[in-house]
Amino acid sequence: MGAGGWFITFEGIDGSGKSTQARRLAERLPGAVLTREPGGSAGAEEIRRLVLNGETGRWSPETELLLFTAARRDHLEKLIEPRLSEGRTVICDRFADSTRIYQGATRGDLRDKVDALHALMIGREPDLTFIIDMDPATALARGMAREGAESRFESFGLELQETVRAGFLALAAQFPERCVVIDGNRDADAVAEDIAARVTVET
């Protein structure tokens, strides 16, 4: 548990519905703060624009890892820790687990470096993580249909989606004390009710 409030994160492959579910949970919890990564603070949002837009291969895996960590550090300092210290619940759409999977498992086997940098510069885990699991092909179709320019990861295609899904499920097995896998192959209302019930039990 963080300093005062609960820190809850949502993870999953692109198009899984995690952003929608994070928002819906925030709406249920009085005083909850909804945020996202990369982003959430002014400095982190600037870095978000750098890493999610433009040519996918312009950053090396190591540079990309440093950029994501820099964004996370600013987010932690400027928003997450201050709100938790006020006793508020912070709900974040993606956090360090996404870096472990996307940069650690799919961008050159950097998992050891990801974990070392996280320990050095971030030093905290969520109190509760929901991993929204669903069919990669369905999720990819959803992601590609979204409007906007942030198609950084969807552009890698189905193979990446499948690799990322397997990575998140392995992560849930590695951290069972905080990770809850939610079946996202259902109506959004059913998923939201499942999550709300589990939050009530956990908190």
Protein backbone atom coordinates (compact mmCIF):
# COMPACT_ATOMS: atom_id res chain seq x y z
CA MET A 1 0.00 0.00 0.00
CA GLY A 2 1.24 3.46 -0.88
CA ALA A 3 1.53 6.42 1.47
CA GLY A 4 -2.13 6.91 2.33
CA GLY A 5 -4.06 5.99 -0.80
CA TRP A 6 -4.42 2.99 -3.07
CA PHE A 7 -2.49 2.84 -6.32
CA ILE A 8 -4.38 0.78 -8.94
CA THR A 9 -3.13 0.15 -12.47
CA PHE A 10 -4.65 -1.30 -15.63
CA GLU A 11 -2.59 -3.28 -18.14
CA GLY A 12 -3.22 -5.31 -21.27
CA ILE A 13 -2.65 -5.40 -24.99
CA ASP A 14 -3.72 -2.45 -27.13
CA GLY A 15 -7.45 -2.56 -27.83
CA SER A 16 -8.26 -4.68 -24.79
CA GLY A 17 -10.51 -2.04 -23.25
CA LYS A 18 -8.24 -1.25 -20.33
CA SER A 19 -8.53 2.53 -20.78
CA THR A 20 -12.32 2.32 -20.73
CA GLN A 21 -12.27 0.13 -17.62
CA ALA A 22 -9.81 2.43 -15.84
CA ARG A 23 -12.14 5.37 -16.49
CA ARG A 24 -15.21 3.46 -15.37
CA LEU A 25 -13.58 2.40 -12.12
CA ALA A 26 -12.47 5.99 -11.43
CA GLU A 27 -16.06 7.13 -11.88
CA ARG A 28 -17.17 4.65 -9.21
CA LEU A 29 -14.67 5.70 -6.56
CA PRO A 30 -15.22 9.13 -4.94
CA GLY A 31 -12.14 11.32 -5.10
CA ALA A 32 -10.20 8.92 -7.34
CA VAL A 33 -7.60 10.38 -9.68
CA LEU A 34 -7.46 8.94 -13.21
CA THR A 35 -4.17 9.21 -15.06
CA ARG A 36 -2.19 7.44 -17.78
CA GLU A 37 1.25 6.45 -18.99
CA PRO A 38 3.24 7.57 -20.69
CA GLY A 39 1.95 10.95 -19.55
CA GLY A 40 -0.06 12.18 -16.60
CA SER A 41 2.12 15.19 -15.82
CA ALA A 42 3.18 18.09 -18.03
CA GLY A 43 6.71 16.82 -18.58
CA ALA A 44 5.59 13.23 -19.10
CA GLU A 45 3.01 14.32 -21.70
CA GLU A 46 5.79 16.00 -23.68
CA ILE A 47 7.75 12.74 -23.67
CA ARG A 48 4.58 10.85 -24.66
CA ARG A 49 4.41 12.85 -27.86
CA LEU A 50 8.00 11.91 -28.63
CA VAL A 51 7.64 8.17 -28.16
CA LEU A 52 4.14 7.45 -29.46
CA ASN A 53 4.10 9.53 -32.62
CA GLY A 54 6.32 9.40 -35.67
CA GLU A 55 8.42 6.67 -37.23
CA THR A 56 8.44 3.54 -35.07
CA GLY A 57 12.12 2.73 -35.57
CA ARG A 58 13.66 6.11 -34.82
CA TRP A 59 14.58 5.26 -31.21
CA SER A 60 16.86 2.43 -30.19
CA PRO A 61 15.37 0.08 -27.57
CA GLU A 62 17.72 1.52 -24.93
CA THR A 63 16.81 5.13 -25.74
CA GLU A 64 13.12 4.27 -25.69
CA LEU A 65 13.53 2.66 -22.27
CA LEU A 66 15.19 5.80 -20.91
CA LEU A 67 12.44 8.01 -22.32
CA PHE A 68 9.68 5.93 -20.76
CA THR A 69 11.48 5.89 -17.42
CA ALA A 70 12.00 9.65 -17.51
CA ALA A 71 8.29 10.15 -18.16
CA ARG A 72 7.40 7.79 -15.32
CA ARG A 73 9.71 9.53 -12.87
CA ASP A 74 8.14 12.92 -13.60
CA HIS A 75 4.65 11.42 -13.33
CA LEU A 76 5.51 9.82 -10.00
CA GLU A 77 6.97 13.03 -8.56
CA LYS A 78 4.34 15.45 -9.84
CA LEU A 79 1.09 13.48 -9.61
CA ILE A 80 1.09 9.94 -8.27
CA GLU A 81 2.93 10.33 -4.97
CA PRO A 82 1.33 13.69 -4.06
CA ARG A 83 -2.19 12.34 -4.61
CA LEU A 84 -1.46 9.13 -2.70
CA SER A 85 -0.07 11.16 0.19
CA GLU A 86 -3.44 12.95 0.34
CA GLY A 87 -5.10 9.58 0.86
CA ARG A 88 -6.66 9.50 -2.61
CA THR A 89 -6.93 6.50 -4.90
CA VAL A 90 -4.82 6.84 -8.04
CA ILE A 91 -5.92 4.79 -11.07
CA CYS A 92 -3.36 4.63 -13.87
CA ASP A 93 -3.81 3.38 -17.42
CA ARG A 94 -0.45 1.55 -17.79
CA PHE A 95 2.58 1.76 -15.50
CA ALA A 96 5.89 -0.09 -15.15
CA ASP A 97 4.45 -3.45 -16.21
CA SER A 98 3.96 -2.09 -19.72
CA THR A 99 7.64 -1.20 -19.90
CA ARG A 100 8.57 -4.65 -18.62
CA ILE A 101 6.58 -6.22 -21.44
CA TYR A 102 6.92 -3.83 -24.39
CA GLN A 103 10.53 -2.73 -23.91
CA GLY A 104 11.69 -5.69 -21.84
CA ALA A 105 10.27 -8.55 -23.87
CA THR A 106 9.72 -7.17 -27.36
CA ARG A 107 12.50 -4.63 -27.94
CA GLY A 108 15.71 -6.58 -27.56
CA ASP A 109 15.39 -8.63 -24.37
CA LEU A 110 15.97 -5.67 -22.04
CA ARG A 111 14.03 -7.05 -19.07
CA ASP A 112 17.03 -7.04 -16.71
CA LYS A 113 17.80 -3.43 -17.61
CA VAL A 114 14.14 -2.48 -17.25
CA ASP A 115 14.01 -3.95 -13.75
CA ALA A 116 17.33 -2.40 -12.71
CA LEU A 117 16.31 1.05 -13.93
CA HIS A 118 12.91 0.72 -12.29
CA ALA A 119 14.49 -0.16 -8.94
CA LEU A 120 16.90 2.76 -9.21
CA MET A 121 14.58 5.51 -10.45
CA ILE A 122 10.97 4.51 -9.63
CA GLY A 123 11.09 2.13 -6.68
CA ARG A 124 7.43 1.35 -6.26
CA GLU A 125 4.79 -1.06 -7.53
CA PRO A 126 1.00 -0.67 -7.65
CA ASP A 127 -1.10 -1.99 -4.81
CA LEU A 128 -3.40 -3.69 -7.33
CA THR A 129 -3.03 -4.35 -11.06
CA PHE A 130 -5.83 -5.43 -13.38
CA ILE A 131 -4.65 -7.18 -16.54
CA ILE A 132 -7.43 -7.12 -19.12
CA ASP A 133 -6.96 -10.26 -21.20
CA MET A 134 -8.58 -10.80 -24.56
CA ASP A 135 -8.13 -12.32 -28.01
CA PRO A 136 -5.19 -10.53 -29.71
CA ALA A 137 -6.80 -10.43 -33.16
CA THR A 138 -9.97 -8.83 -31.82
CA ALA A 139 -7.97 -6.33 -29.77
CA LEU A 140 -5.80 -5.42 -32.77
CA ALA A 141 -8.85 -4.75 -34.92
CA ARG A 142 -10.20 -2.45 -32.22
CA GLY A 143 -6.90 -0.64 -31.87
CA MET A 144 -6.45 -0.07 -35.58
CA ALA A 145 -9.99 1.31 -35.82
CA ARG A 146 -9.32 4.03 -33.25
CA GLU A 147 -8.98 7.57 -34.49
CA GLY A 148 -5.83 9.56 -33.79
CA ALA A 149 -2.13 9.42 -34.52
CA GLU A 150 -0.95 7.29 -31.61
CA SER A 151 -0.56 4.01 -33.44
CA ARG A 152 2.97 3.36 -32.15
CA PHE A 153 2.42 -0.23 -31.06
CA GLU A 154 -0.58 -1.31 -33.12
CA SER A 155 1.60 -0.81 -36.21
CA PHE A 156 3.70 -3.84 -35.24
CA GLY A 157 0.77 -6.15 -35.98
CA LEU A 158 -0.73 -9.37 -34.65
CA GLU A 159 2.56 -11.08 -33.80
CA LEU A 160 3.43 -8.34 -31.33
CA GLN A 161 -0.06 -8.47 -29.82
CA GLU A 162 0.30 -12.21 -29.24
CA THR A 163 3.77 -11.80 -27.71
CA VAL A 164 2.57 -9.01 -25.44
CA ARG A 165 -0.47 -10.99 -24.30
CA ALA A 166 1.74 -13.93 -23.33
CA GLY A 167 4.05 -11.53 -21.53
CA PHE A 168 1.27 -10.03 -19.45
CA LEU A 169 -0.07 -13.46 -18.47
CA ALA A 170 3.44 -14.50 -17.41
CA LEU A 171 3.73 -11.29 -15.40
CA ALA A 172 0.46 -12.06 -13.61
CA ALA A 173 1.88 -15.43 -12.62
CA GLN A 174 5.08 -13.75 -11.41
CA PHE A 175 3.25 -11.20 -9.24
CA PRO A 176 0.08 -12.98 -8.06
CA GLU A 177 -0.09 -10.88 -4.88
CA ARG A 178 -1.08 -7.76 -6.85
CA CYS A 179 -2.11 -8.89 -10.37
CA VAL A 180 -5.68 -9.89 -11.22
CA VAL A 181 -6.41 -11.22 -14.73
CA ILE A 182 -9.81 -10.12 -16.03
CA ASP A 183 -11.54 -11.72 -19.02
CA GLY A 184 -11.99 -8.86 -21.47
CA ASN A 185 -13.83 -10.97 -24.07
CA ARG A 186 -17.14 -9.87 -22.57
CA ASP A 187 -19.53 -6.95 -22.61
CA ALA A 188 -17.89 -3.85 -21.11
CA ASP A 189 -20.56 -3.62 -18.40
CA ALA A 190 -19.85 -7.18 -17.23
CA VAL A 191 -16.12 -6.48 -17.14
CA ALA A 192 -16.69 -3.29 -15.13
CA GLU A 193 -18.86 -5.09 -12.58
CA ASP A 194 -16.24 -7.82 -12.17
CA ILE A 195 -13.53 -5.23 -11.55
CA ALA A 196 -15.64 -3.24 -9.09
CA ALA A 197 -16.39 -6.38 -7.08
CA ARG A 198 -12.72 -7.28 -6.88
CA VAL A 199 -11.75 -3.77 -5.78
CA THR A 200 -14.29 -3.98 -2.97
CA VAL A 201 -12.74 -7.26 -1.81
CA GLU A 202 -9.14 -6.05 -2.10
CA THR A 203 -9.57 -2.66 -0.45
